[in-house]
Amino acid sequence: MDRIAKVASQTAVVIFSKSSCGMCHAIKRLFYEQGVGPAIYELDLETRGKEMEWALLRLGCNPAVPAVFIGGRFVGSANTVMTLHLNGSLKRMLRDAGALWL
Protein backbone atom coordinates (compact mmCIF):
# COMPACT_ATOMS: atom_id res chain seq x y z
CA MET A 1 0.00 0.00 0.00
CA ASP A 2 2.84 2.38 0.86
CA ARG A 3 4.58 1.61 -2.42
CA ILE A 4 1.41 2.46 -4.38
CA ALA A 5 1.04 5.79 -2.56
CA LYS A 6 4.72 6.63 -3.04
CA VAL A 7 4.74 5.78 -6.75
CA ALA A 8 1.41 7.53 -7.38
CA SER A 9 2.66 10.78 -5.86
CA GLN A 10 5.96 10.97 -7.78
CA THR A 11 4.50 11.80 -11.21
CA ALA A 12 1.48 13.83 -12.34
CA VAL A 13 -0.13 10.77 -13.97
CA VAL A 14 0.47 7.15 -13.02
CA ILE A 15 -1.19 4.16 -14.63
CA PHE A 16 -1.00 0.67 -13.17
CA SER A 17 -1.51 -1.76 -16.00
CA LYS A 18 -0.87 -5.24 -17.35
CA SER A 19 0.85 -5.69 -20.68
CA SER A 20 -1.80 -8.15 -21.90
CA CYS A 21 -4.83 -6.02 -20.92
CA GLY A 22 -6.81 -4.50 -23.79
CA MET A 23 -8.53 -1.85 -21.65
CA CYS A 24 -5.17 -0.89 -20.17
CA HIS A 25 -3.83 -0.33 -23.66
CA ALA A 26 -6.83 1.85 -24.54
CA ILE A 27 -6.39 4.01 -21.42
CA LYS A 28 -2.64 4.44 -22.02
CA ARG A 29 -3.37 5.46 -25.61
CA LEU A 30 -5.97 7.98 -24.45
CA PHE A 31 -3.40 9.72 -22.25
CA TYR A 32 -0.74 9.68 -24.97
CA GLU A 33 -3.23 11.21 -27.41
CA GLN A 34 -3.91 13.98 -24.88
CA GLY A 35 -0.19 14.79 -24.91
CA VAL A 36 0.44 13.30 -21.48
CA GLY A 37 3.40 11.06 -20.72
CA PRO A 38 2.21 8.97 -17.77
CA ALA A 39 4.40 6.78 -15.61
CA ILE A 40 3.27 3.25 -16.40
CA TYR A 41 3.76 0.24 -14.17
CA GLU A 42 3.06 -3.06 -15.90
CA LEU A 43 2.20 -5.25 -12.91
CA ASP A 44 2.78 -8.49 -14.79
CA LEU A 45 6.37 -7.36 -15.47
CA GLU A 46 7.17 -5.84 -12.05
CA THR A 47 9.01 -8.01 -9.53
CA ARG A 48 6.53 -7.00 -6.81
CA GLY A 49 3.62 -6.68 -9.21
CA LYS A 50 1.36 -9.19 -7.46
CA GLU A 51 1.74 -7.31 -4.16
CA MET A 52 0.92 -4.05 -5.92
CA GLU A 53 -2.12 -5.64 -7.54
CA TRP A 54 -3.42 -6.76 -4.12
CA ALA A 55 -2.82 -3.27 -2.72
CA LEU A 56 -4.82 -1.75 -5.59
CA LEU A 57 -7.68 -4.17 -4.88
CA ARG A 58 -7.62 -3.11 -1.21
CA LEU A 59 -7.82 0.53 -2.33
CA GLY A 60 -11.06 -0.29 -4.12
CA CYS A 61 -9.76 -0.81 -7.65
CA ASN A 62 -11.87 -3.63 -8.99
CA PRO A 63 -10.62 -4.80 -11.40
CA ALA A 64 -7.13 -3.89 -10.24
CA VAL A 65 -6.05 -2.64 -13.68
CA PRO A 66 -6.10 -0.20 -15.26
CA ALA A 67 -5.80 1.99 -12.18
CA VAL A 68 -5.22 5.68 -12.87
CA PHE A 69 -3.81 8.22 -10.43
CA ILE A 70 -3.71 11.92 -11.28
CA GLY A 71 -1.94 14.35 -8.99
CA GLY A 72 -1.32 11.56 -6.48
CA ARG A 73 -5.05 10.85 -6.14
CA PHE A 74 -6.79 7.67 -7.26
CA VAL A 75 -9.15 8.59 -10.10
CA GLY A 76 -10.50 5.20 -11.08
CA SER A 77 -10.36 2.56 -13.74
CA ALA A 78 -11.27 2.57 -17.42
CA ASN A 79 -14.97 3.40 -17.02
CA THR A 80 -14.33 6.37 -14.76
CA VAL A 81 -11.50 7.73 -16.89
CA MET A 82 -13.56 7.45 -20.08
CA THR A 83 -16.49 9.21 -18.40
CA LEU A 84 -14.20 12.03 -17.27
CA HIS A 85 -12.79 12.29 -20.78
CA LEU A 86 -16.21 12.42 -22.42
CA ASN A 87 -17.58 15.09 -20.06
CA GLY A 88 -14.43 17.24 -20.35
CA SER A 89 -13.30 16.88 -16.73
CA LEU A 90 -10.19 14.85 -17.54
CA LYS A 91 -8.37 17.72 -19.28
CA ARG A 92 -9.05 20.00 -16.33
CA MET A 93 -7.71 17.40 -13.89
CA LEU A 94 -4.60 16.94 -16.04
CA ARG A 95 -3.99 20.71 -16.18
CA ASP A 96 -4.48 21.03 -12.41
CA ALA A 97 -1.96 18.23 -11.82
CA GLY A 98 0.60 19.83 -14.13
CA ALA A 99 0.43 17.08 -16.73
CA LEU A 100 -0.83 19.48 -19.43
CA TRP A 101 0.16 23.07 -20.03
CA LEU A 102 -2.50 24.10 -22.54
PDB file of N, CA and C in Angstrom:
ATOM      1  N   MET A   1       0.828  -1.185   0.000  1.00  0.00           N
ATOM      2  CA  MET A   1       0.000   0.000   0.000  1.00  0.00           C
ATOM      3  C   MET A   1       0.874   1.251   0.000  1.00  0.00           C
ATOM      4  N   ASP A   2       1.936   1.231   0.805  1.00  0.00           N
ATOM      5  CA  ASP A   2       2.844   2.378   0.859  1.00  0.00           C
ATOM      6  C   ASP A   2       3.538   2.587  -0.476  1.00  0.00           C
ATOM      7  N   ARG A   3       3.913   1.503  -1.122  1.00  0.00           N
ATOM      8  CA  ARG A   3       4.584   1.612  -2.422  1.00  0.00           C
ATOM      9  C   ARG A   3       3.651   2.247  -3.459  1.00  0.00           C
ATOM     10  N   ILE A   4       2.387   1.885  -3.441  1.00  0.00           N
ATOM     11  CA  ILE A   4       1.414   2.459  -4.376  1.00  0.00           C
ATOM     12  C   ILE A   4       1.321   3.968  -4.137  1.00  0.00           C
ATOM     13  N   ALA A   5       1.163   4.362  -2.883  1.00  0.00           N
ATOM     14  CA  ALA A   5       1.039   5.789  -2.560  1.00  0.00           C
ATOM     15  C   ALA A   5       2.294   6.549  -2.955  1.00  0.00           C
ATOM     16  N   LYS A   6       3.459   5.971  -2.702  1.00  0.00           N
ATOM     17  CA  LYS A   6       4.720   6.633  -3.041  1.00  0.00           C
ATOM     18  C   LYS A   6       4.850   6.807  -4.555  1.00  0.00           C
ATOM     19  N   VAL A   7       4.619   5.742  -5.292  1.00  0.00           N
ATOM     20  CA  VAL A   7       4.741   5.776  -6.747  1.00  0.00           C
ATOM     21  C   VAL A   7       3.716   6.740  -7.344  1.00  0.00           C
ATOM     22  N   ALA A   8       2.493   6.705  -6.829  1.00  0.00           N
ATOM     23  CA  ALA A   8       1.412   7.533  -7.375  1.00  0.00           C
ATOM     24  C   ALA A   8       1.660   9.023  -7.155  1.00  0.00           C
ATOM     25  N   SER A   9       2.431   9.362  -6.156  1.00  0.00           N
ATOM     26  CA  SER A   9       2.663  10.784  -5.860  1.00  0.00           C
ATOM     27  C   SER A   9       3.919  11.347  -6.528  1.00  0.00           C
ATOM     28  N   GLN A  10       4.698  10.518  -7.194  1.00  0.00           N
ATOM     29  CA  GLN A  10       5.958  10.968  -7.784  1.00  0.00           C
ATOM     30  C   GLN A  10       5.818  11.582  -9.166  1.00  0.00           C
ATOM     31  N   THR A  11       4.723  11.319  -9.850  1.00  0.00           N
ATOM     32  CA  THR A  11       4.503  11.797 -11.211  1.00  0.00           C
ATOM     33  C   THR A  11       3.062  12.283 -11.316  1.00  0.00           C
ATOM     34  N   ALA A  12       2.829  13.262 -12.204  1.00  0.00           N
ATOM     35  CA  ALA A  12       1.481  13.830 -12.338  1.00  0.00           C
ATOM     36  C   ALA A  12       0.442  12.775 -12.693  1.00  0.00           C
ATOM     37  N   VAL A  13       0.801  11.834 -13.576  1.00  0.00           N
ATOM     38  CA  VAL A  13      -0.133  10.774 -13.969  1.00  0.00           C
ATOM     39  C   VAL A  13       0.572   9.429 -13.876  1.00  0.00           C
ATOM     40  N   VAL A  14      -0.065   8.507 -13.175  1.00  0.00           N
ATOM     41  CA  VAL A  14       0.470   7.153 -13.018  1.00  0.00           C
ATOM     42  C   VAL A  14      -0.628   6.166 -13.403  1.00  0.00           C
ATOM     43  N   ILE A  15      -0.251   5.207 -14.224  1.00  0.00           N
ATOM     44  CA  ILE A  15      -1.188   4.161 -14.630  1.00  0.00           C
ATOM     45  C   ILE A  15      -0.593   2.811 -14.246  1.00  0.00           C
ATOM     46  N   PHE A  16      -1.358   2.047 -13.473  1.00  0.00           N
ATOM     47  CA  PHE A  16      -0.996   0.673 -13.166  1.00  0.00           C
ATOM     48  C   PHE A  16      -1.734  -0.191 -14.176  1.00  0.00           C
ATOM     49  N   SER A  17      -1.005  -1.068 -14.829  1.00  0.00           N
ATOM     50  CA  SER A  17      -1.514  -1.763 -16.000  1.00  0.00           C
ATOM     51  C   SER A  17      -0.996  -3.188 -16.027  1.00  0.00           C
ATOM     52  N   LYS A  18      -1.458  -3.938 -17.011  1.00  0.00           N
ATOM     53  CA  LYS A  18      -0.874  -5.236 -17.352  1.00  0.00           C
ATOM     54  C   LYS A  18      -0.643  -5.221 -18.850  1.00  0.00           C
ATOM     55  N   SER A  19       0.465  -5.751 -19.270  1.00  0.00           N
ATOM     56  CA  SER A  19       0.850  -5.685 -20.677  1.00  0.00           C
ATOM     57  C   SER A  19      -0.127  -6.421 -21.602  1.00  0.00           C
ATOM     58  N   SER A  20      -0.873  -7.375 -21.082  1.00  0.00           N
ATOM     59  CA  SER A  20      -1.801  -8.151 -21.901  1.00  0.00           C
ATOM     60  C   SER A  20      -3.246  -7.645 -21.828  1.00  0.00           C
ATOM     61  N   CYS A  21      -3.482  -6.529 -21.156  1.00  0.00           N
ATOM     62  CA  CYS A  21      -4.835  -6.023 -20.919  1.00  0.00           C
ATOM     63  C   CYS A  21      -5.260  -5.028 -22.004  1.00  0.00           C
ATOM     64  N   GLY A  22      -6.314  -5.355 -22.724  1.00  0.00           N
ATOM     65  CA  GLY A  22      -6.805  -4.495 -23.793  1.00  0.00           C
ATOM     66  C   GLY A  22      -7.305  -3.145 -23.298  1.00  0.00           C
ATOM     67  N   MET A  23      -8.035  -3.125 -22.198  1.00  0.00           N
ATOM     68  CA  MET A  23      -8.531  -1.851 -21.653  1.00  0.00           C
ATOM     69  C   MET A  23      -7.368  -0.990 -21.156  1.00  0.00           C
ATOM     70  N   CYS A  24      -6.360  -1.628 -20.614  1.00  0.00           N
ATOM     71  CA  CYS A  24      -5.171  -0.888 -20.167  1.00  0.00           C
ATOM     72  C   CYS A  24      -4.522  -0.189 -21.357  1.00  0.00           C
ATOM     73  N   HIS A  25      -4.413  -0.901 -22.450  1.00  0.00           N
ATOM     74  CA  HIS A  25      -3.827  -0.332 -23.664  1.00  0.00           C
ATOM     75  C   HIS A  25      -4.643   0.871 -24.132  1.00  0.00           C
ATOM     76  N   ALA A  26      -5.967   0.752 -24.113  1.00  0.00           N
ATOM     77  CA  ALA A  26      -6.834   1.850 -24.544  1.00  0.00           C
ATOM     78  C   ALA A  26      -6.663   3.076 -23.654  1.00  0.00           C
ATOM     79  N   ILE A  27      -6.546   2.883 -22.350  1.00  0.00           N
ATOM     80  CA  ILE A  27      -6.386   4.007 -21.421  1.00  0.00           C
ATOM     81  C   ILE A  27      -5.021   4.664 -21.616  1.00  0.00           C
ATOM     82  N   LYS A  28      -3.978   3.862 -21.777  1.00  0.00           N
ATOM     83  CA  LYS A  28      -2.645   4.435 -22.017  1.00  0.00           C
ATOM     84  C   LYS A  28      -2.652   5.262 -23.302  1.00  0.00           C
ATOM     85  N   ARG A  29      -3.285   4.742 -24.322  1.00  0.00           N
ATOM     86  CA  ARG A  29      -3.369   5.455 -25.607  1.00  0.00           C
ATOM     87  C   ARG A  29      -4.132   6.775 -25.465  1.00  0.00           C
ATOM     88  N   LEU A  30      -5.197   6.760 -24.691  1.00  0.00           N
ATOM     89  CA  LEU A  30      -5.968   7.978 -24.453  1.00  0.00           C
ATOM     90  C   LEU A  30      -5.077   9.075 -23.861  1.00  0.00           C
ATOM     91  N   PHE A  31      -4.271   8.722 -22.877  1.00  0.00           N
ATOM     92  CA  PHE A  31      -3.398   9.716 -22.254  1.00  0.00           C
ATOM     93  C   PHE A  31      -2.323  10.192 -23.229  1.00  0.00           C
ATOM     94  N   TYR A  32      -1.741   9.278 -23.989  1.00  0.00           N
ATOM     95  CA  TYR A  32      -0.740   9.679 -24.974  1.00  0.00           C
ATOM     96  C   TYR A  32      -1.346  10.632 -26.009  1.00  0.00           C
ATOM     97  N   GLU A  33      -2.571  10.351 -26.431  1.00  0.00           N
ATOM     98  CA  GLU A  33      -3.231  11.211 -27.415  1.00  0.00           C
ATOM     99  C   GLU A  33      -3.571  12.588 -26.848  1.00  0.00           C
ATOM    100  N   GLN A  34      -3.663  12.682 -25.528  1.00  0.00           N
ATOM    101  CA  GLN A  34      -3.905  13.979 -24.875  1.00  0.00           C
ATOM    102  C   GLN A  34      -2.606  14.773 -24.723  1.00  0.00           C
ATOM    103  N   GLY A  35      -1.482  14.135 -25.059  1.00  0.00           N
ATOM    104  CA  GLY A  35      -0.192  14.789 -24.914  1.00  0.00           C
ATOM    105  C   GLY A  35       0.433  14.590 -23.548  1.00  0.00           C
ATOM    106  N   VAL A  36      -0.043  13.597 -22.836  1.00  0.00           N
ATOM    107  CA  VAL A  36       0.442  13.297 -21.483  1.00  0.00           C
ATOM    108  C   VAL A  36       1.371  12.091 -21.543  1.00  0.00           C
ATOM    109  N   GLY A  37       2.476  12.175 -20.829  1.00  0.00           N
ATOM    110  CA  GLY A  37       3.404  11.057 -20.722  1.00  0.00           C
ATOM    111  C   GLY A  37       3.327  10.453 -19.331  1.00  0.00           C
ATOM    112  N   PRO A  38       2.383   9.533 -19.109  1.00  0.00           N
ATOM    113  CA  PRO A  38       2.211   8.968 -17.767  1.00  0.00           C
ATOM    114  C   PRO A  38       3.330   8.004 -17.398  1.00  0.00           C
ATOM    115  N   ALA A  39       3.536   7.858 -16.100  1.00  0.00           N
ATOM    116  CA  ALA A  39       4.395   6.777 -15.614  1.00  0.00           C
ATOM    117  C   ALA A  39       3.533   5.521 -15.645  1.00  0.00           C
ATOM    118  N   ILE A  40       4.052   4.474 -16.246  1.00  0.00           N
ATOM    119  CA  ILE A  40       3.269   3.248 -16.397  1.00  0.00           C
ATOM    120  C   ILE A  40       3.992   2.107 -15.696  1.00  0.00           C
ATOM    121  N   TYR A  41       3.237   1.400 -14.875  1.00  0.00           N
ATOM    122  CA  TYR A  41       3.756   0.241 -14.173  1.00  0.00           C
ATOM    123  C   TYR A  41       2.985  -0.979 -14.641  1.00  0.00           C
ATOM    124  N   GLU A  42       3.659  -1.825 -15.397  1.00  0.00           N
ATOM    125  CA  GLU A  42       3.056  -3.063 -15.896  1.00  0.00           C
ATOM    126  C   GLU A  42       3.205  -4.112 -14.798  1.00  0.00           C
ATOM    127  N   LEU A  43       2.130  -4.387 -14.091  1.00  0.00           N
ATOM    128  CA  LEU A  43       2.201  -5.247 -12.911  1.00  0.00           C
ATOM    129  C   LEU A  43       2.635  -6.668 -13.226  1.00  0.00           C
ATOM    130  N   ASP A  44       2.351  -7.134 -14.434  1.00  0.00           N
ATOM    131  CA  ASP A  44       2.779  -8.487 -14.794  1.00  0.00           C
ATOM    132  C   ASP A  44       4.274  -8.552 -15.103  1.00  0.00           C
ATOM    133  N   LEU A  45       4.929  -7.402 -15.203  1.00  0.00           N
ATOM    134  CA  LEU A  45       6.369  -7.361 -15.468  1.00  0.00           C
ATOM    135  C   LEU A  45       7.178  -6.869 -14.267  1.00  0.00           C
ATOM    136  N   GLU A  46       6.504  -6.342 -13.256  1.00  0.00           N
ATOM    137  CA  GLU A  46       7.169  -5.842 -12.049  1.00  0.00           C
ATOM    138  C   GLU A  46       7.499  -7.016 -11.118  1.00  0.00           C
ATOM    139  N   THR A  47       8.635  -6.929 -10.439  1.00  0.00           N
ATOM    140  CA  THR A  47       9.011  -8.008  -9.525  1.00  0.00           C
ATOM    141  C   THR A  47       8.031  -8.108  -8.355  1.00  0.00           C
ATOM    142  N   ARG A  48       7.493  -6.980  -7.909  1.00  0.00           N
ATOM    143  CA  ARG A  48       6.527  -6.997  -6.810  1.00  0.00           C
ATOM    144  C   ARG A  48       5.121  -6.665  -7.328  1.00  0.00           C
ATOM    145  N   GLY A  49       4.878  -7.011  -8.572  1.00  0.00           N
ATOM    146  CA  GLY A  49       3.617  -6.680  -9.214  1.00  0.00           C
ATOM    147  C   GLY A  49       2.396  -7.296  -8.556  1.00  0.00           C
ATOM    148  N   LYS A  50       2.506  -8.532  -8.102  1.00  0.00           N
ATOM    149  CA  LYS A  50       1.357  -9.191  -7.463  1.00  0.00           C
ATOM    150  C   LYS A  50       0.987  -8.476  -6.163  1.00  0.00           C
ATOM    151  N   GLU A  51       1.994  -8.068  -5.391  1.00  0.00           N
ATOM    152  CA  GLU A  51       1.738  -7.307  -4.161  1.00  0.00           C
ATOM    153  C   GLU A  51       1.045  -5.989  -4.478  1.00  0.00           C
ATOM    154  N   MET A  52       1.515  -5.323  -5.524  1.00  0.00           N
ATOM    155  CA  MET A  52       0.920  -4.054  -5.920  1.00  0.00           C
ATOM    156  C   MET A  52      -0.522  -4.258  -6.380  1.00  0.00           C
ATOM    157  N   GLU A  53      -0.771  -5.343  -7.080  1.00  0.00           N
ATOM    158  CA  GLU A  53      -2.124  -5.644  -7.535  1.00  0.00           C
ATOM    159  C   GLU A  53      -3.068  -5.839  -6.346  1.00  0.00           C
ATOM    160  N   TRP A  54      -2.604  -6.569  -5.323  1.00  0.00           N
ATOM    161  CA  TRP A  54      -3.420  -6.762  -4.122  1.00  0.00           C
ATOM    162  C   TRP A  54      -3.663  -5.431  -3.410  1.00  0.00           C
ATOM    163  N   ALA A  55      -2.656  -4.583  -3.362  1.00  0.00           N
ATOM    164  CA  ALA A  55      -2.816  -3.270  -2.722  1.00  0.00           C
ATOM    165  C   ALA A  55      -3.851  -2.429  -3.469  1.00  0.00           C
ATOM    166  N   LEU A  56      -3.835  -2.487  -4.793  1.00  0.00           N
ATOM    167  CA  LEU A  56      -4.824  -1.749  -5.586  1.00  0.00           C
ATOM    168  C   LEU A  56      -6.230  -2.275  -5.319  1.00  0.00           C
ATOM    169  N   LEU A  57      -6.371  -3.584  -5.201  1.00  0.00           N
ATOM    170  CA  LEU A  57      -7.676  -4.166  -4.882  1.00  0.00           C
ATOM    171  C   LEU A  57      -8.161  -3.687  -3.519  1.00  0.00           C
ATOM    172  N   ARG A  58      -7.245  -3.600  -2.544  1.00  0.00           N
ATOM    173  CA  ARG A  58      -7.617  -3.112  -1.210  1.00  0.00           C
ATOM    174  C   ARG A  58      -8.002  -1.637  -1.234  1.00  0.00           C
ATOM    175  N   LEU A  59      -7.452  -0.882  -2.188  1.00  0.00           N
ATOM    176  CA  LEU A  59      -7.821   0.531  -2.330  1.00  0.00           C
ATOM    177  C   LEU A  59      -9.205   0.701  -2.957  1.00  0.00           C
ATOM    178  N   GLY A  60      -9.747  -0.363  -3.492  1.00  0.00           N
ATOM    179  CA  GLY A  60     -11.057  -0.288  -4.118  1.00  0.00           C
ATOM    180  C   GLY A  60     -11.027  -0.375  -5.629  1.00  0.00           C
ATOM    181  N   CYS A  61      -9.870  -0.640  -6.204  1.00  0.00           N
ATOM    182  CA  CYS A  61      -9.757  -0.810  -7.650  1.00  0.00           C
ATOM    183  C   CYS A  61     -10.225  -2.213  -7.993  1.00  0.00           C
ATOM    184  N   ASN A  62     -11.367  -2.328  -8.619  1.00  0.00           N
ATOM    185  CA  ASN A  62     -11.866  -3.634  -8.988  1.00  0.00           C
ATOM    186  C   ASN A  62     -12.504  -3.540 -10.359  1.00  0.00           C
ATOM    187  N   PRO A  63     -11.853  -4.025 -11.393  1.00  0.00           N
ATOM    188  CA  PRO A  63     -10.616  -4.802 -11.397  1.00  0.00           C
ATOM    189  C   PRO A  63      -9.407  -3.938 -11.032  1.00  0.00           C
ATOM    190  N   ALA A  64      -8.320  -4.598 -10.715  1.00  0.00           N
ATOM    191  CA  ALA A  64      -7.129  -3.886 -10.240  1.00  0.00           C
ATOM    192  C   ALA A  64      -6.482  -3.029 -11.326  1.00  0.00           C
ATOM    193  N   VAL A  65      -6.637  -3.414 -12.582  1.00  0.00           N
ATOM    194  CA  VAL A  65      -6.052  -2.635 -13.680  1.00  0.00           C
ATOM    195  C   VAL A  65      -7.082  -2.394 -14.764  1.00  0.00           C
ATOM    196  N   PRO A  66      -7.019  -1.305 -15.482  1.00  0.00           N
ATOM    197  CA  PRO A  66      -6.097  -0.205 -15.261  1.00  0.00           C
ATOM    198  C   PRO A  66      -6.522   0.625 -14.053  1.00  0.00           C
ATOM    199  N   ALA A  67      -5.560   1.103 -13.313  1.00  0.00           N
ATOM    200  CA  ALA A  67      -5.804   1.991 -12.181  1.00  0.00           C
ATOM    201  C   ALA A  67      -5.056   3.285 -12.469  1.00  0.00           C
ATOM    202  N   VAL A  68      -5.782   4.391 -12.486  1.00  0.00           N
ATOM    203  CA  VAL A  68      -5.216   5.680 -12.872  1.00  0.00           C
ATOM    204  C   VAL A  68      -5.173   6.612 -11.666  1.00  0.00           C
ATOM    205  N   PHE A  69      -4.011   7.212 -11.467  1.00  0.00           N
ATOM    206  CA  PHE A  69      -3.812   8.217 -10.431  1.00  0.00           C
ATOM    207  C   PHE A  69      -3.407   9.511 -11.120  1.00  0.00           C
ATOM    208  N   ILE A  70      -4.049  10.601 -10.741  1.00  0.00           N
ATOM    209  CA  ILE A  70      -3.710  11.919 -11.276  1.00  0.00           C
ATOM    210  C   ILE A  70      -3.457  12.846 -10.091  1.00  0.00           C
ATOM    211  N   GLY A  71      -2.291  13.465 -10.091  1.00  0.00           N
ATOM    212  CA  GLY A  71      -1.942  14.349  -8.986  1.00  0.00           C
ATOM    213  C   GLY A  71      -1.854  13.619  -7.659  1.00  0.00           C
ATOM    214  N   GLY A  72      -1.464  12.346  -7.701  1.00  0.00           N
ATOM    215  CA  GLY A  72      -1.320  11.560  -6.480  1.00  0.00           C
ATOM    216  C   GLY A  72      -2.625  11.007  -5.937  1.00  0.00           C
ATOM    217  N   ARG A  73      -3.728  11.275  -6.609  1.00  0.00           N
ATOM    218  CA  ARG A  73      -5.049  10.852  -6.141  1.00  0.00           C
ATOM    219  C   ARG A  73      -5.608   9.774  -7.067  1.00  0.00           C
ATOM    220  N   PHE A  74      -6.184   8.736  -6.468  1.00  0.00           N
ATOM    221  CA  PHE A  74      -6.787   7.673  -7.264  1.00  0.00           C
ATOM    222  C   PHE A  74      -8.022   8.226  -7.967  1.00  0.00           C
ATOM    223  N   VAL A  75      -8.036   8.097  -9.300  1.00  0.00           N
ATOM    224  CA  VAL A  75      -9.150   8.591 -10.102  1.00  0.00           C
ATOM    225  C   VAL A  75     -10.129   7.467 -10.392  1.00  0.00           C
ATOM    226  N   GLY A  76      -9.630   6.320 -10.778  1.00  0.00           N
ATOM    227  CA  GLY A  76     -10.505   5.204 -11.084  1.00  0.00           C
ATOM    228  C   GLY A  76      -9.926   4.315 -12.157  1.00  0.00           C
ATOM    229  N   SER A  77     -10.795   3.475 -12.686  1.00  0.00           N
ATOM    230  CA  SER A  77     -10.364   2.560 -13.745  1.00  0.00           C
ATOM    231  C   SER A  77     -10.890   3.057 -15.080  1.00  0.00           C
ATOM    232  N   ALA A  78     -10.941   2.184 -16.045  1.00  0.00           N
ATOM    233  CA  ALA A  78     -11.272   2.569 -17.417  1.00  0.00           C
ATOM    234  C   ALA A  78     -12.613   3.292 -17.534  1.00  0.00           C
ATOM    235  N   ASN A  79     -13.656   2.768 -16.902  1.00  0.00           N
ATOM    236  CA  ASN A  79     -14.974   3.397 -17.016  1.00  0.00           C
ATOM    237  C   ASN A  79     -14.967   4.824 -16.494  1.00  0.00           C
ATOM    238  N   THR A  80     -14.370   5.036 -15.352  1.00  0.00           N
ATOM    239  CA  THR A  80     -14.325   6.370 -14.759  1.00  0.00           C
ATOM    240  C   THR A  80     -13.516   7.325 -15.615  1.00  0.00           C
ATOM    241  N   VAL A  81     -12.360   6.878 -16.071  1.00  0.00           N
ATOM    242  CA  VAL A  81     -11.497   7.730 -16.891  1.00  0.00           C
ATOM    243  C   VAL A  81     -12.193   8.099 -18.194  1.00  0.00           C
ATOM    244  N   MET A  82     -12.849   7.146 -18.835  1.00  0.00           N
ATOM    245  CA  MET A  82     -13.560   7.447 -20.081  1.00  0.00           C
ATOM    246  C   MET A  82     -14.707   8.416 -19.845  1.00  0.00           C
ATOM    247  N   THR A  83     -15.420   8.270 -18.737  1.00  0.00           N
ATOM    248  CA  THR A  83     -16.494   9.206 -18.403  1.00  0.00           C
ATOM    249  C   THR A  83     -15.948  10.611 -18.208  1.00  0.00           C
ATOM    250  N   LEU A  84     -14.835  10.722 -17.480  1.00  0.00           N
ATOM    251  CA  LEU A  84     -14.199  12.027 -17.269  1.00  0.00           C
ATOM    252  C   LEU A  84     -13.748  12.634 -18.592  1.00  0.00           C
ATOM    253  N   HIS A  85     -13.230  11.809 -19.470  1.00  0.00           N
ATOM    254  CA  HIS A  85     -12.794  12.285 -20.780  1.00  0.00           C
ATOM    255  C   HIS A  85     -13.985  12.806 -21.592  1.00  0.00           C
ATOM    256  N   LEU A  86     -15.053  12.043 -21.617  1.00  0.00           N
ATOM    257  CA  LEU A  86     -16.215  12.420 -22.417  1.00  0.00           C
ATOM    258  C   LEU A  86     -16.914  13.675 -21.901  1.00  0.00           C
ATOM    259  N   ASN A  87     -16.904  13.895 -20.580  1.00  0.00           N
ATOM    260  CA  ASN A  87     -17.576  15.092 -20.063  1.00  0.00           C
ATOM    261  C   ASN A  87     -16.635  16.295 -19.918  1.00  0.00           C
ATOM    262  N   GLY A  88     -15.376  16.125 -20.339  1.00  0.00           N
ATOM    263  CA  GLY A  88     -14.432  17.241 -20.345  1.00  0.00           C
ATOM    264  C   GLY A  88     -13.674  17.466 -19.057  1.00  0.00           C
ATOM    265  N   SER A  89     -13.950  16.692 -18.037  1.00  0.00           N
ATOM    266  CA  SER A  89     -13.298  16.876 -16.733  1.00  0.00           C
ATOM    267  C   SER A  89     -11.851  16.391 -16.714  1.00  0.00           C
ATOM    268  N   LEU A  90     -11.533  15.426 -17.557  1.00  0.00           N
ATOM    269  CA  LEU A  90     -10.191  14.846 -17.538  1.00  0.00           C
ATOM    270  C   LEU A  90      -9.129  15.886 -17.872  1.00  0.00           C
ATOM    271  N   LYS A  91      -9.364  16.688 -18.903  1.00  0.00           N
ATOM    272  CA  LYS A  91      -8.371  17.715 -19.279  1.00  0.00           C
ATOM    273  C   LYS A  91      -8.126  18.680 -18.137  1.00  0.00           C
ATOM    274  N   ARG A  92      -9.184  19.084 -17.458  1.00  0.00           N
ATOM    275  CA  ARG A  92      -9.052  20.001 -16.326  1.00  0.00           C
ATOM    276  C   ARG A  92      -8.214  19.370 -15.206  1.00  0.00           C
ATOM    277  N   MET A  93      -8.485  18.104 -14.926  1.00  0.00           N
ATOM    278  CA  MET A  93      -7.715  17.396 -13.894  1.00  0.00           C
ATOM    279  C   MET A  93      -6.241  17.312 -14.287  1.00  0.00           C
ATOM    280  N   LEU A  94      -5.987  17.042 -15.559  1.00  0.00           N
ATOM    281  CA  LEU A  94      -4.604  16.942 -16.043  1.00  0.00           C
ATOM    282  C   LEU A  94      -3.894  18.278 -15.958  1.00  0.00           C
ATOM    283  N   ARG A  95      -4.580  19.365 -16.300  1.00  0.00           N
ATOM    284  CA  ARG A  95      -3.988  20.709 -16.175  1.00  0.00           C
ATOM    285  C   ARG A  95      -3.689  21.025 -14.709  1.00  0.00           C
ATOM    286  N   ASP A  96      -4.645  20.755 -13.843  1.00  0.00           N
ATOM    287  CA  ASP A  96      -4.475  21.033 -12.410  1.00  0.00           C
ATOM    288  C   ASP A  96      -3.304  20.261 -11.809  1.00  0.00           C
ATOM    289  N   ALA A  97      -3.052  19.069 -12.328  1.00  0.00           N
ATOM    290  CA  ALA A  97      -1.962  18.225 -11.820  1.00  0.00           C
ATOM    291  C   ALA A  97      -0.618  18.584 -12.454  1.00  0.00           C
ATOM    292  N   GLY A  98      -0.640  19.463 -13.469  1.00  0.00           N
ATOM    293  CA  GLY A  98       0.597  19.834 -14.134  1.00  0.00           C
ATOM    294  C   GLY A  98       1.020  18.881 -15.237  1.00  0.00           C
ATOM    295  N   ALA A  99       0.111  18.027 -15.670  1.00  0.00           N
ATOM    296  CA  ALA A  99       0.427  17.079 -16.726  1.00  0.00           C
ATOM    297  C   ALA A  99       0.229  17.696 -18.108  1.00  0.00           C
ATOM    298  N   LEU A 100      -0.576  18.750 -18.184  1.00  0.00           N
ATOM    299  CA  LEU A 100      -0.831  19.484 -19.425  1.00  0.00           C
ATOM    300  C   LEU A 100      -0.578  20.962 -19.175  1.00  0.00           C
ATOM    301  N   TRP A 101      -0.083  21.633 -20.188  1.00  0.00           N
ATOM    302  CA  TRP A 101       0.163  23.071 -20.027  1.00  0.00           C
ATOM    303  C   TRP A 101      -0.811  23.927 -20.819  1.00  0.00           C
ATOM    304  N   LEU A 102      -1.550  23.353 -21.720  1.00  0.00           N
ATOM    305  CA  LEU A 102      -2.504  24.100 -22.544  1.00  0.00           C
ATOM    306  C   LEU A 102      -3.896  24.000 -22.008  1.00  0.00           C
TER     307      LEU A 102
END
